[in-house]
């Protein structure tokens, strides 16, 4: 793979995946951007089920392709373990949260303890954890090079993204369910915004490295 393709794939994946609920939501009249989680678009009663799941697989593939090319973008960096872990974490998001979520279809009749529901929740959780780990490692790499502005950026994305995930998960706490029922979709999208921002930051640094043929957080 050409080195310059990795950041392009990664940016396209972030922008494409973030855009899906807003674009497809227009043709799903009862879909609420603030209350409904994104995966509802892929459920059997959704008018865009097939298209959403197919596009999720496409964006997931872009995440994986971008992740595969990232180590080559930072080939002059001596901390290969951290670079590889960061790349694997981003690829894990594409594989689990996008590709496998697009293949594992749930519906609103399934309960939390249904095997299909649990599988879907598990792959989504692993994927989100991947983006969190990628942001953490990116911040650490920036700090190691004394690039505190970038470190602050990545860790801010990590912190805010994590907080939004906590608020999103609060919906599943019985006595708080009603409070967060109308905003869980908002918290999900906010968490993705911050974590995608971190991934785009990685892409920008990868692009700069490809152009200069050096690795630096500047």
Foldseek 3Di string as FASTA:
>chain_A
DPLLLLLVLLLCLLVQVLCVCVVLVVVFVVDDLFQDASLQCCAPVHPCNLVQLVSLLVSLVSQLSSLVSQCVLAVVDPPSVLSNLLSVLSNLLSVQQRNVLSVQHDHPVDDCPPPSNVSNVVSNVSNLVSLLSNLQSQLVVQVVQVNNVLNVLSVVLNVLLVVLVVLLCVCVVVVCVVVCNRGNSVSNSRSSVSSSVSSSVSSVQSNVCNVVVHHHDD
